[in-house]
Amino acid sequence: MDYYRPVAMTDAVRPAGALPLAGGWCWFDRVEVLTRAGVTRAGARGLVAAADLPDAVRARLTAPRPALAGLTLDRPRLMGILNVTPDSFSDGGRFDAPEAALAHARAMVEAGADILDIGGESTRPGSADVEPGEEIRRTAPVIRALVAGGLAAPISIDTRKSEVARAALDAGARIVNDVAALGYDPDLAALVAARAVPVCLMHAQGTPATMQADPRYDDVLLDVYDFLAARIAAAEAAGIPRDRIVVDPGIGFGKTVAHNLALIRGLSLFHGLGCAVLLGASRKRFIGMLAGGAAEGQADRRGPGTIAVTLAGLAQGVQIHRVHDTLETRQALRLWQAATLGEEET
């Protein structure tokens, strides 16, 4: 099997015949061909012209991605993280009180978050499962209060469990974000299909309790791609159309530093799945390990490194960026667009 990674470009000088990448702000006129054999069909550099792509591959790489909960994806979108948990790796305990959660949610939207992702179960390395009833108690009242208060941004529920997702959707959430890619709870896919809501499928190796215990891959980029392709097929079989699916390579979920970097360098490959792509690297441990200093031991000191990874994702056409620091990331995004694309964000 061949895999096609478009070489994403953003330069204003765009050659004739260049193709749009996923209907967004990047373009490409060359594609790297990858194979499981570790060699390429096209020679030492493995490059082929975009014009020579198979028709089906070209269609998936270029087609504009459908709107997500009313948000167009022809420009980058920020997903603000709201953990209403006592033990999340970065901000556990800061927003588990309802008043603090509501205030932080509104502040993130005011600072530029397009989506709010609300989670009641930590999935940090080594974390334990939370009972569905407790997860509902943490999340549903916050969602209900935000929706009742007129919050404009769509809300995503970050959960692996159908009971929690059902309560969140009943409270007004409009997206399901599942770190287990519909593989933990067999009832979640049917719920997503019945409610006709978008779902984000994330790759993880192992469970949160075990995922960082010596993760291994044959080829991390291609292994993650194949996993997500299989989970998309399973979601479609359950009645969820591809145009309501978002994919997330799962930075930090069962990956070493080297694995994370390989995925970030190869992010444009995932456009070949024909879905919007989400990048969730915010404040992850590998950023601290590479940055050193205070960032190594303190997650809230990894903001600059998170922005660097976010900009790398923007340069490869990633549509959705899940972040803690919405104000700083929105500012970086605006400047990147102005300096790189010559346009101001609207």
Protein backbone atom coordinates (compact mmCIF):
# COMPACT_ATOMS: atom_id res chain seq x y z
CA MET A 1 0.00 0.00 0.00
CA ASP A 2 1.17 3.51 -0.81
CA TYR A 3 0.65 6.52 1.45
CA TYR A 4 0.65 10.07 0.13
CA ARG A 5 1.93 12.97 2.20
CA PRO A 6 1.37 16.33 0.50
CA VAL A 7 4.27 18.76 0.89
CA ALA A 8 2.28 21.65 2.32
CA MET A 9 3.19 25.17 1.28
CA THR A 10 1.94 28.63 2.24
CA ASP A 11 4.09 30.86 0.06
CA ALA A 12 2.24 33.62 -1.80
CA VAL A 13 4.03 32.61 -5.01
CA ARG A 14 1.93 29.64 -6.06
CA PRO A 15 2.84 27.75 -9.24
CA ALA A 16 0.31 26.93 -11.90
CA GLY A 17 -1.22 23.54 -11.21
CA ALA A 18 -0.78 23.70 -7.44
CA LEU A 19 -3.70 22.16 -5.56
CA PRO A 20 -5.50 23.43 -2.43
CA LEU A 21 -4.91 21.33 0.67
CA ALA A 22 -8.25 20.30 2.21
CA GLY A 23 -9.82 23.50 0.90
CA GLY A 24 -7.77 25.57 3.33
CA TRP A 25 -4.91 28.04 3.40
CA CYS A 26 -2.14 25.64 2.28
CA TRP A 27 -1.36 24.38 -1.21
CA PHE A 28 0.80 21.62 -2.62
CA ASP A 29 2.29 20.68 -5.97
CA ARG A 30 4.36 17.67 -4.78
CA VAL A 31 3.57 14.61 -2.72
CA GLU A 32 5.88 12.28 -0.83
CA VAL A 33 5.03 8.63 -1.48
CA LEU A 34 5.56 6.39 1.56
CA THR A 35 5.42 2.61 1.82
CA ARG A 36 5.71 0.02 4.57
CA ALA A 37 8.87 -1.29 2.95
CA GLY A 38 10.67 1.89 3.93
CA VAL A 39 11.39 2.74 0.30
CA THR A 40 9.49 4.89 -2.12
CA ARG A 41 8.21 4.26 -5.59
CA ALA A 42 9.50 7.57 -6.88
CA GLY A 43 13.19 7.38 -6.14
CA ALA A 44 15.47 8.57 -3.35
CA ARG A 45 13.37 11.60 -2.42
CA GLY A 46 10.05 9.87 -2.93
CA LEU A 47 8.39 12.85 -4.58
CA VAL A 48 5.74 12.81 -7.28
CA ALA A 49 3.91 15.71 -8.88
CA ALA A 50 0.47 16.43 -7.49
CA ALA A 51 -0.84 16.17 -11.04
CA ASP A 52 0.18 12.49 -11.08
CA LEU A 53 -1.87 11.48 -8.03
CA PRO A 54 -4.60 8.84 -8.35
CA ASP A 55 -7.96 10.56 -8.73
CA ALA A 56 -9.38 9.26 -5.43
CA VAL A 57 -6.31 10.40 -3.49
CA ARG A 58 -6.38 13.83 -5.11
CA ALA A 59 -10.06 14.24 -4.25
CA ARG A 60 -9.53 13.45 -0.57
CA LEU A 61 -6.49 15.69 -0.24
CA THR A 62 -8.10 18.71 -1.89
CA ALA A 63 -11.81 18.64 -0.96
CA PRO A 64 -12.91 21.39 1.45
CA ARG A 65 -13.80 20.00 4.84
CA PRO A 66 -17.45 20.42 5.91
CA ALA A 67 -18.34 22.85 8.66
CA LEU A 68 -18.03 21.55 12.22
CA ALA A 69 -20.99 22.42 14.47
CA GLY A 70 -21.57 25.48 12.31
CA LEU A 71 -17.90 26.52 12.10
CA THR A 72 -16.32 26.66 8.67
CA LEU A 73 -12.89 25.03 8.43
CA ASP A 74 -11.39 27.20 5.71
CA ARG A 75 -9.44 28.94 8.49
CA PRO A 76 -7.80 27.62 11.68
CA ARG A 77 -10.00 27.06 14.72
CA LEU A 78 -9.01 27.04 18.40
CA MET A 79 -10.52 24.55 20.83
CA GLY A 80 -10.18 25.81 24.39
CA ILE A 81 -9.57 23.15 27.05
CA LEU A 82 -11.72 23.17 30.19
CA ASN A 83 -10.83 20.34 32.57
CA VAL A 84 -13.34 20.14 35.42
CA THR A 85 -11.18 17.56 37.17
CA PRO A 86 -9.08 17.46 40.31
CA ASP A 87 -6.15 15.65 38.66
CA SER A 88 -5.52 16.73 35.05
CA PHE A 89 -1.81 16.97 34.27
CA SER A 90 -1.72 20.74 33.69
CA ASP A 91 -4.64 22.42 35.45
CA GLY A 92 -6.19 19.76 37.68
CA GLY A 93 -8.15 21.30 40.53
CA ARG A 94 -8.16 24.83 39.14
CA PHE A 95 -11.57 24.70 37.49
CA ASP A 96 -13.43 21.85 39.19
CA ALA A 97 -15.57 24.32 41.17
CA PRO A 98 -18.58 25.35 39.01
CA GLU A 99 -18.03 29.10 39.41
CA ALA A 100 -14.37 28.83 38.40
CA ALA A 101 -15.26 26.60 35.43
CA LEU A 102 -17.90 29.00 34.11
CA ALA A 103 -15.64 32.01 34.50
CA HIS A 104 -12.75 30.31 32.74
CA ALA A 105 -14.97 29.08 29.91
CA ARG A 106 -16.30 32.57 29.23
CA ALA A 107 -12.78 34.02 29.42
CA MET A 108 -11.49 31.51 26.85
CA VAL A 109 -14.27 32.36 24.40
CA GLU A 110 -13.67 36.07 24.90
CA ALA A 111 -9.96 35.45 24.25
CA GLY A 112 -10.68 33.71 20.95
CA ALA A 113 -11.68 30.07 21.51
CA ASP A 114 -13.98 28.88 18.70
CA ILE A 115 -14.92 25.65 20.54
CA LEU A 116 -14.89 24.67 24.21
CA ASP A 117 -13.81 21.11 25.05
CA ILE A 118 -15.07 20.13 28.50
CA GLY A 119 -13.78 17.01 30.21
CA GLY A 120 -14.51 15.39 33.55
CA GLU A 121 -11.97 12.55 33.47
CA SER A 122 -8.22 13.01 33.37
CA THR A 123 -6.50 10.92 30.71
CA ARG A 124 -2.98 11.88 31.73
CA PRO A 125 -0.42 9.06 31.86
CA GLY A 126 -1.11 6.83 34.85
CA SER A 127 -4.62 8.13 35.50
CA ALA A 128 -7.44 5.87 36.70
CA ASP A 129 -10.97 5.56 35.32
CA VAL A 130 -13.71 7.81 36.70
CA GLU A 131 -17.21 6.41 37.23
CA PRO A 132 -19.73 7.73 34.66
CA GLY A 133 -21.95 9.22 37.36
CA GLU A 134 -19.09 11.29 38.75
CA GLU A 135 -18.01 12.38 35.28
CA ILE A 136 -21.59 13.51 34.54
CA ARG A 137 -21.74 15.37 37.84
CA ARG A 138 -18.61 17.29 36.90
CA THR A 139 -19.52 18.16 33.31
CA ALA A 140 -23.25 18.32 32.60
CA PRO A 141 -24.13 21.20 34.99
CA VAL A 142 -21.32 23.34 33.57
CA ILE A 143 -22.43 22.68 30.00
CA ARG A 144 -26.06 23.41 30.87
CA ALA A 145 -25.16 26.68 32.59
CA LEU A 146 -22.98 27.85 29.70
CA VAL A 147 -25.65 27.10 27.12
CA ALA A 148 -28.37 28.72 29.24
CA GLY A 149 -26.14 31.76 29.57
CA GLY A 150 -26.04 32.22 25.80
CA LEU A 151 -22.51 30.99 25.08
CA ALA A 152 -22.05 31.24 21.32
CA ALA A 153 -19.17 28.80 20.90
CA PRO A 154 -20.12 25.15 20.38
CA ILE A 155 -19.24 22.83 23.27
CA SER A 156 -17.46 19.51 22.90
CA ILE A 157 -17.64 16.79 25.53
CA ASP A 158 -14.31 15.05 26.08
CA THR A 159 -15.33 11.54 27.11
CA ARG A 160 -15.01 7.84 26.27
CA LYS A 161 -18.40 6.93 27.75
CA SER A 162 -21.86 6.92 26.17
CA GLU A 163 -23.63 7.79 29.45
CA VAL A 164 -21.48 10.88 29.87
CA ALA A 165 -21.84 11.89 26.23
CA ARG A 166 -25.63 11.48 26.38
CA ALA A 167 -25.91 13.71 29.45
CA ALA A 168 -23.62 16.31 27.86
CA LEU A 169 -25.56 16.34 24.58
CA ASP A 170 -28.82 16.64 26.52
CA ALA A 171 -27.27 19.62 28.33
CA GLY A 172 -26.36 21.32 25.05
CA ALA A 173 -22.98 19.97 23.90
CA ARG A 174 -22.70 19.63 20.12
CA ILE A 175 -19.51 17.57 19.55
CA VAL A 176 -18.11 14.36 21.06
CA ASN A 177 -14.33 14.11 21.51
CA ASP A 178 -13.29 10.52 22.27
CA VAL A 179 -9.67 9.74 23.09
CA ALA A 180 -10.50 6.04 22.57
CA ALA A 181 -11.85 6.56 19.02
CA LEU A 182 -15.14 4.79 19.84
CA GLY A 183 -13.23 1.74 21.04
CA TYR A 184 -13.87 1.96 24.81
CA ASP A 185 -17.66 2.00 25.04
CA PRO A 186 -19.51 -0.04 22.39
CA ASP A 187 -22.63 2.13 22.80
CA LEU A 188 -20.97 5.46 22.03
CA ALA A 189 -20.89 5.09 18.25
CA ALA A 190 -24.63 4.39 18.11
CA LEU A 191 -25.32 7.46 20.25
CA VAL A 192 -23.20 9.71 18.02
CA ALA A 193 -24.94 8.35 14.93
CA ALA A 194 -28.42 8.76 16.42
CA ARG A 195 -27.75 12.34 17.54
CA ALA A 196 -26.10 13.24 14.21
CA VAL A 197 -23.25 15.12 15.93
CA PRO A 198 -19.59 15.36 14.92
CA VAL A 199 -17.08 13.09 16.63
CA CYS A 200 -13.32 13.34 17.02
CA LEU A 201 -11.47 10.01 16.82
CA MET A 202 -8.07 10.05 18.53
CA HIS A 203 -5.25 7.53 18.37
CA ALA A 204 -3.86 6.15 21.61
CA GLN A 205 -1.70 3.11 22.28
CA GLY A 206 -2.91 1.39 25.44
CA THR A 207 -5.00 2.98 28.19
CA PRO A 208 -4.20 6.17 30.11
CA ALA A 209 -2.96 3.98 32.96
CA THR A 210 -0.45 2.09 30.77
CA MET A 211 0.11 4.09 27.59
CA GLN A 212 3.55 5.47 28.46
CA ALA A 213 4.97 2.06 29.46
CA ASP A 214 7.47 1.59 26.63
CA PRO A 215 5.30 2.42 23.57
CA ARG A 216 6.53 0.85 20.33
CA TYR A 217 5.60 1.12 16.64
CA ASP A 218 6.77 -0.34 13.36
CA ASP A 219 6.39 3.10 11.76
CA VAL A 220 4.56 5.55 14.01
CA LEU A 221 3.30 7.80 11.21
CA LEU A 222 1.88 4.96 9.13
CA ASP A 223 0.67 2.96 12.14
CA VAL A 224 -1.34 5.90 13.44
CA TYR A 225 -2.70 6.60 9.94
CA ASP A 226 -3.85 2.99 9.57
CA PHE A 227 -5.44 2.98 13.02
CA LEU A 228 -7.42 6.11 12.24
CA ALA A 229 -8.45 4.77 8.83
CA ALA A 230 -9.79 1.65 10.56
CA ARG A 231 -11.66 3.66 13.18
CA ILE A 232 -13.20 5.86 10.48
CA ALA A 233 -14.40 2.69 8.74
CA ALA A 234 -15.90 1.43 12.00
CA ALA A 235 -17.63 4.76 12.60
CA GLU A 236 -19.05 4.76 9.07
CA ALA A 237 -20.31 1.19 9.59
CA ALA A 238 -22.09 2.44 12.72
CA GLY A 239 -23.87 5.14 10.71
CA ILE A 240 -21.55 8.12 11.23
CA PRO A 241 -20.71 9.75 7.88
CA ARG A 242 -17.12 10.76 7.18
CA ASP A 243 -18.12 14.41 6.89
CA ARG A 244 -18.92 14.41 10.62
CA ILE A 245 -15.58 12.84 11.65
CA VAL A 246 -12.47 14.65 12.88
CA VAL A 247 -9.17 12.79 13.38
CA ASP A 248 -6.49 13.39 16.00
CA PRO A 249 -3.09 11.61 15.90
CA GLY A 250 -2.98 11.62 19.70
CA ILE A 251 0.22 13.46 20.54
CA GLY A 252 1.50 12.17 23.88
CA PHE A 253 -0.89 9.22 24.11
CA GLY A 254 1.39 6.20 24.05
CA LYS A 255 4.27 7.98 22.31
CA THR A 256 7.89 8.82 23.05
CA VAL A 257 9.41 12.20 22.22
CA ALA A 258 10.66 10.74 18.93
CA HIS A 259 7.20 9.40 18.09
CA ASN A 260 5.59 12.78 18.79
CA LEU A 261 8.10 14.60 16.60
CA ALA A 262 7.63 12.14 13.73
CA LEU A 263 3.89 12.71 13.85
CA ILE A 264 4.24 16.49 13.94
CA ARG A 265 6.65 16.46 10.99
CA GLY A 266 4.24 14.25 9.04
CA LEU A 267 0.92 15.84 9.97
CA SER A 268 -0.07 16.61 6.38
CA LEU A 269 -0.34 12.86 5.72
CA PHE A 270 -3.57 12.74 7.75
CA HIS A 271 -5.41 14.96 5.26
CA GLY A 272 -5.48 11.84 3.09
CA LEU A 273 -8.16 10.43 5.41
CA GLY A 274 -10.60 12.99 4.04
CA CYS A 275 -11.46 14.42 7.47
CA ALA A 276 -10.64 17.56 9.39
CA VAL A 277 -7.51 17.16 11.54
CA LEU A 278 -7.18 18.14 15.20
CA LEU A 279 -3.83 18.68 16.93
CA GLY A 280 -3.75 18.39 20.72
CA ALA A 281 -0.19 19.07 21.84
CA SER A 282 -0.85 21.76 24.40
CA ARG A 283 1.54 21.68 27.38
CA LYS A 284 2.39 18.02 26.75
CA ARG A 285 5.38 16.49 28.51
CA PHE A 286 7.52 16.19 25.37
CA ILE A 287 7.45 20.00 25.03
CA GLY A 288 8.96 20.35 28.49
CA MET A 289 11.53 17.66 27.81
CA LEU A 290 12.70 19.44 24.66
CA ALA A 291 12.49 22.96 26.09
CA GLY A 292 14.25 22.16 29.35
CA GLY A 293 14.46 24.52 32.28
CA ALA A 294 11.32 25.21 34.29
CA ALA A 295 9.14 23.84 31.47
CA GLU A 296 10.44 20.34 32.08
CA GLY A 297 8.71 20.04 35.42
CA GLN A 298 5.95 22.64 35.17
CA ALA A 299 3.24 22.17 32.56
CA ASP A 300 2.06 25.77 32.76
CA ARG A 301 5.53 26.94 31.63
CA ARG A 302 5.16 25.21 28.24
CA GLY A 303 3.09 27.90 26.52
CA PRO A 304 5.81 29.11 24.13
CA GLY A 305 6.64 25.54 23.12
CA THR A 306 2.95 24.83 22.57
CA ILE A 307 2.70 27.83 20.25
CA ALA A 308 5.72 26.61 18.27
CA VAL A 309 4.05 23.23 17.73
CA THR A 310 0.74 24.92 16.88
CA LEU A 311 2.42 27.01 14.18
CA ALA A 312 4.03 23.87 12.77
CA GLY A 313 0.54 22.40 12.52
CA LEU A 314 -0.83 25.54 10.87
CA ALA A 315 1.90 25.30 8.24
CA GLN A 316 0.59 21.81 7.38
CA GLY A 317 -3.06 22.82 7.16
CA VAL A 318 -4.29 21.43 10.49
CA GLN A 319 -7.74 22.90 11.02
CA ILE A 320 -8.36 22.55 14.78
CA HIS A 321 -5.92 23.21 17.60
CA ARG A 322 -6.77 22.12 21.15
CA VAL A 323 -5.03 24.48 23.58
CA HIS A 324 -5.01 25.70 27.16
CA ASP A 325 -3.69 29.21 26.45
CA THR A 326 -6.30 30.64 24.10
CA LEU A 327 -5.32 34.31 24.39
CA GLU A 328 -1.65 33.70 23.59
CA THR A 329 -2.38 31.18 20.85
CA ARG A 330 -4.96 33.45 19.18
CA GLN A 331 -2.41 36.26 19.12
CA ALA A 332 0.21 33.95 17.58
CA LEU A 333 -2.29 32.71 15.03
CA ARG A 334 -3.24 36.25 13.97
CA LEU A 335 0.40 37.21 13.52
CA TRP A 336 1.19 34.01 11.65
CA GLN A 337 -1.66 34.62 9.25
CA ALA A 338 -0.64 38.23 8.70
CA ALA A 339 3.05 37.46 8.20
CA THR A 340 2.66 34.23 6.23
CA LEU A 341 -0.54 34.63 4.28
CA GLY A 342 -0.64 38.42 4.09
CA GLU A 343 -4.11 38.59 5.60
CA GLU A 344 -5.70 39.63 8.85
CA GLU A 345 -8.01 37.25 10.65
CA THR A 346 -11.66 38.20 10.52
